[in-house]
Amino acid sequence: MGYIGDFRDVIRELHGAEATHRQSVPAREVFQSQIIWDGVVEVFDLHGHPKTHRTHAWSHETDSGKKRHFTVLHIPPAISPETAVRTAVIQELRNAPSA
C-alpha cells in the first residue's frame, strides 16, 4: 500500500474518516536546546469528520524496531504541523511513567 496509504488506513481506523494527502511538511520540535523530534509531517484533508477538515500524521521507529504512527486532528492548539508535533510530545510526556 505504501507510506501515504498506511496513514490513510490509520486515519480511517482512528478517526472514522477518509483522507486525501495534501502536503508533506518538515517539522522540528526543540526543548531546552535539544531536538526532541525532527522529521516530516504529512497533512491530510479529512472527508466526513464531524469536528475538523484536516489531520497531521507522522511515524517513527520505536526502540523495539516497530513503526509507530501518530495522527493529530487539526483542532486548537494543533493547528499546524509544528503544533501537532508539540501537542503529541506534550501528551507523551504526560503519559510517561514517573521515574
C-alpha atoms as a PDB file:
ATOM      1  CA  MET A   1       0.000   0.000   0.000  1.00  0.00           C
ATOM      2  CA  GLY A   2       2.860   2.384   0.733  1.00  0.00           C
ATOM      3  CA  TYR A   3       3.722   5.149   3.139  1.00  0.00           C
ATOM      4  CA  ILE A   4       0.780   7.501   2.436  1.00  0.00           C
ATOM      5  CA  GLY A   5      -1.660   4.604   2.143  1.00  0.00           C
ATOM      6  CA  ASP A   6      -0.602   3.364   5.580  1.00  0.00           C
ATOM      7  CA  PHE A   7      -1.510   6.749   7.026  1.00  0.00           C
ATOM      8  CA  ARG A   8      -4.881   6.725   5.262  1.00  0.00           C
ATOM      9  CA  ASP A   9      -5.645   3.367   6.897  1.00  0.00           C
ATOM     10  CA  VAL A  10      -4.607   4.605  10.347  1.00  0.00           C
ATOM     11  CA  ILE A  11      -6.661   7.798   9.938  1.00  0.00           C
ATOM     12  CA  ARG A  12      -9.711   5.810   8.831  1.00  0.00           C
ATOM     13  CA  GLU A  13      -9.335   3.437  11.797  1.00  0.00           C
ATOM     14  CA  LEU A  14      -8.695   6.105  14.456  1.00  0.00           C
ATOM     15  CA  HIS A  15     -10.872   8.949  13.220  1.00  0.00           C
ATOM     16  CA  GLY A  16     -13.539   7.262  11.096  1.00  0.00           C
ATOM     17  CA  ALA A  17     -12.937   9.482   8.080  1.00  0.00           C
ATOM     18  CA  GLU A  18     -11.461   9.182   4.625  1.00  0.00           C
ATOM     19  CA  ALA A  19      -8.315  11.214   3.984  1.00  0.00           C
ATOM     20  CA  THR A  20      -6.652  12.834   0.986  1.00  0.00           C
ATOM     21  CA  HIS A  21      -2.954  13.668   1.203  1.00  0.00           C
ATOM     22  CA  ARG A  22      -2.418  17.413   0.936  1.00  0.00           C
ATOM     23  CA  GLN A  23       1.280  18.045   1.574  1.00  0.00           C
ATOM     24  CA  SER A  24       4.483  16.969   3.341  1.00  0.00           C
ATOM     25  CA  VAL A  25       5.951  19.498   5.772  1.00  0.00           C
ATOM     26  CA  PRO A  26       9.330  19.290   7.532  1.00  0.00           C
ATOM     27  CA  ALA A  27       8.963  19.923  11.273  1.00  0.00           C
ATOM     28  CA  ARG A  28      11.273  20.044  14.261  1.00  0.00           C
ATOM     29  CA  GLU A  29      10.490  20.240  17.972  1.00  0.00           C
ATOM     30  CA  VAL A  30      13.193  21.642  20.227  1.00  0.00           C
ATOM     31  CA  PHE A  31      13.066  21.772  24.036  1.00  0.00           C
ATOM     32  CA  GLN A  32      15.812  23.330  26.147  1.00  0.00           C
ATOM     33  CA  SER A  33      18.129  23.442  23.124  1.00  0.00           C
ATOM     34  CA  GLN A  34      17.648  19.713  22.478  1.00  0.00           C
ATOM     35  CA  ILE A  35      15.969  18.345  19.359  1.00  0.00           C
ATOM     36  CA  ILE A  36      13.074  16.240  20.614  1.00  0.00           C
ATOM     37  CA  TRP A  37      11.720  15.324  17.193  1.00  0.00           C
ATOM     38  CA  ASP A  38      12.819  16.055  13.624  1.00  0.00           C
ATOM     39  CA  GLY A  39      11.006  14.704  10.605  1.00  0.00           C
ATOM     40  CA  VAL A  40       8.240  15.138   8.075  1.00  0.00           C
ATOM     41  CA  VAL A  41       4.588  15.632   8.971  1.00  0.00           C
ATOM     42  CA  GLU A  42       2.035  14.544   6.394  1.00  0.00           C
ATOM     43  CA  VAL A  43      -1.012  16.799   6.157  1.00  0.00           C
ATOM     44  CA  PHE A  44      -4.308  15.210   5.103  1.00  0.00           C
ATOM     45  CA  ASP A  45      -7.693  16.677   4.276  1.00  0.00           C
ATOM     46  CA  LEU A  46     -10.461  14.754   6.034  1.00  0.00           C
ATOM     47  CA  HIS A  47     -13.792  13.888   4.444  1.00  0.00           C
ATOM     48  CA  GLY A  48     -16.761  13.396   6.718  1.00  0.00           C
ATOM     49  CA  HIS A  49     -15.162  14.096  10.093  1.00  0.00           C
ATOM     50  CA  PRO A  50     -17.585  15.898  12.436  1.00  0.00           C
ATOM     51  CA  LYS A  51     -15.018  18.183  14.123  1.00  0.00           C
ATOM     52  CA  THR A  52     -12.384  19.143  11.580  1.00  0.00           C
ATOM     53  CA  HIS A  53     -11.380  19.097   7.935  1.00  0.00           C
ATOM     54  CA  ARG A  54      -7.693  18.210   8.422  1.00  0.00           C
ATOM     55  CA  THR A  55      -5.271  15.997  10.326  1.00  0.00           C
ATOM     56  CA  HIS A  56      -1.485  15.824  10.724  1.00  0.00           C
ATOM     57  CA  ALA A  57       0.296  12.475  10.646  1.00  0.00           C
ATOM     58  CA  TRP A  58       3.805  11.094  11.042  1.00  0.00           C
ATOM     59  CA  SER A  59       5.570   7.980  12.189  1.00  0.00           C
ATOM     60  CA  HIS A  60       8.773   6.937  13.833  1.00  0.00           C
ATOM     61  CA  GLU A  61      10.511   3.713  14.685  1.00  0.00           C
ATOM     62  CA  THR A  62      10.308   2.660  18.340  1.00  0.00           C
ATOM     63  CA  ASP A  63      13.190   1.267  20.352  1.00  0.00           C
ATOM     64  CA  SER A  64      11.868  -2.226  19.610  1.00  0.00           C
ATOM     65  CA  GLY A  65      12.058  -1.556  15.855  1.00  0.00           C
ATOM     66  CA  LYS A  66       8.320  -1.250  15.257  1.00  0.00           C
ATOM     67  CA  LYS A  67       6.802   1.670  13.370  1.00  0.00           C
ATOM     68  CA  ARG A  68       4.506   3.885  15.426  1.00  0.00           C
ATOM     69  CA  HIS A  69       2.008   6.149  13.661  1.00  0.00           C
ATOM     70  CA  PHE A  70       0.737   9.412  15.102  1.00  0.00           C
ATOM     71  CA  THR A  71      -2.282  11.368  13.923  1.00  0.00           C
ATOM     72  CA  VAL A  72      -3.330  14.644  15.490  1.00  0.00           C
ATOM     73  CA  LEU A  73      -6.547  16.313  14.437  1.00  0.00           C
ATOM     74  CA  HIS A  74      -6.362  19.921  13.256  1.00  0.00           C
ATOM     75  CA  ILE A  75      -8.093  21.282  16.369  1.00  0.00           C
ATOM     76  CA  PRO A  76      -6.547  24.022  18.554  1.00  0.00           C
ATOM     77  CA  PRO A  77      -3.871  24.019  19.772  1.00  0.00           C
ATOM     78  CA  ALA A  78      -2.784  21.630  16.972  1.00  0.00           C
ATOM     79  CA  ILE A  79      -3.365  23.978  14.035  1.00  0.00           C
ATOM     80  CA  SER A  80      -0.126  23.385  12.116  1.00  0.00           C
ATOM     81  CA  PRO A  81       2.303  20.504  11.611  1.00  0.00           C
ATOM     82  CA  GLU A  82       4.626  22.042  14.209  1.00  0.00           C
ATOM     83  CA  THR A  83       1.947  22.494  16.862  1.00  0.00           C
ATOM     84  CA  ALA A  84       0.599  18.991  16.150  1.00  0.00           C
ATOM     85  CA  VAL A  85       4.039  17.529  16.922  1.00  0.00           C
ATOM     86  CA  ARG A  86       4.335  19.710  20.041  1.00  0.00           C
ATOM     87  CA  THR A  87       0.890  18.580  21.229  1.00  0.00           C
ATOM     88  CA  ALA A  88       1.811  14.912  20.742  1.00  0.00           C
ATOM     89  CA  VAL A  89       5.172  15.318  22.523  1.00  0.00           C
ATOM     90  CA  ILE A  90       3.490  17.002  25.491  1.00  0.00           C
ATOM     91  CA  GLN A  91       0.874  14.241  25.654  1.00  0.00           C
ATOM     92  CA  GLU A  92       3.578  11.563  25.527  1.00  0.00           C
ATOM     93  CA  LEU A  93       5.444  13.239  28.392  1.00  0.00           C
ATOM     94  CA  ARG A  94       2.250  13.449  30.461  1.00  0.00           C
ATOM     95  CA  ASN A  95       1.533   9.769  29.870  1.00  0.00           C
ATOM     96  CA  ALA A  96       5.099   8.595  30.599  1.00  0.00           C
ATOM     97  CA  PRO A  97       5.556   6.590  33.776  1.00  0.00           C
ATOM     98  CA  SER A  98       7.114   8.520  36.632  1.00  0.00           C
ATOM     99  CA  ALA A  99      10.684   7.626  37.460  1.00  0.00           C
END
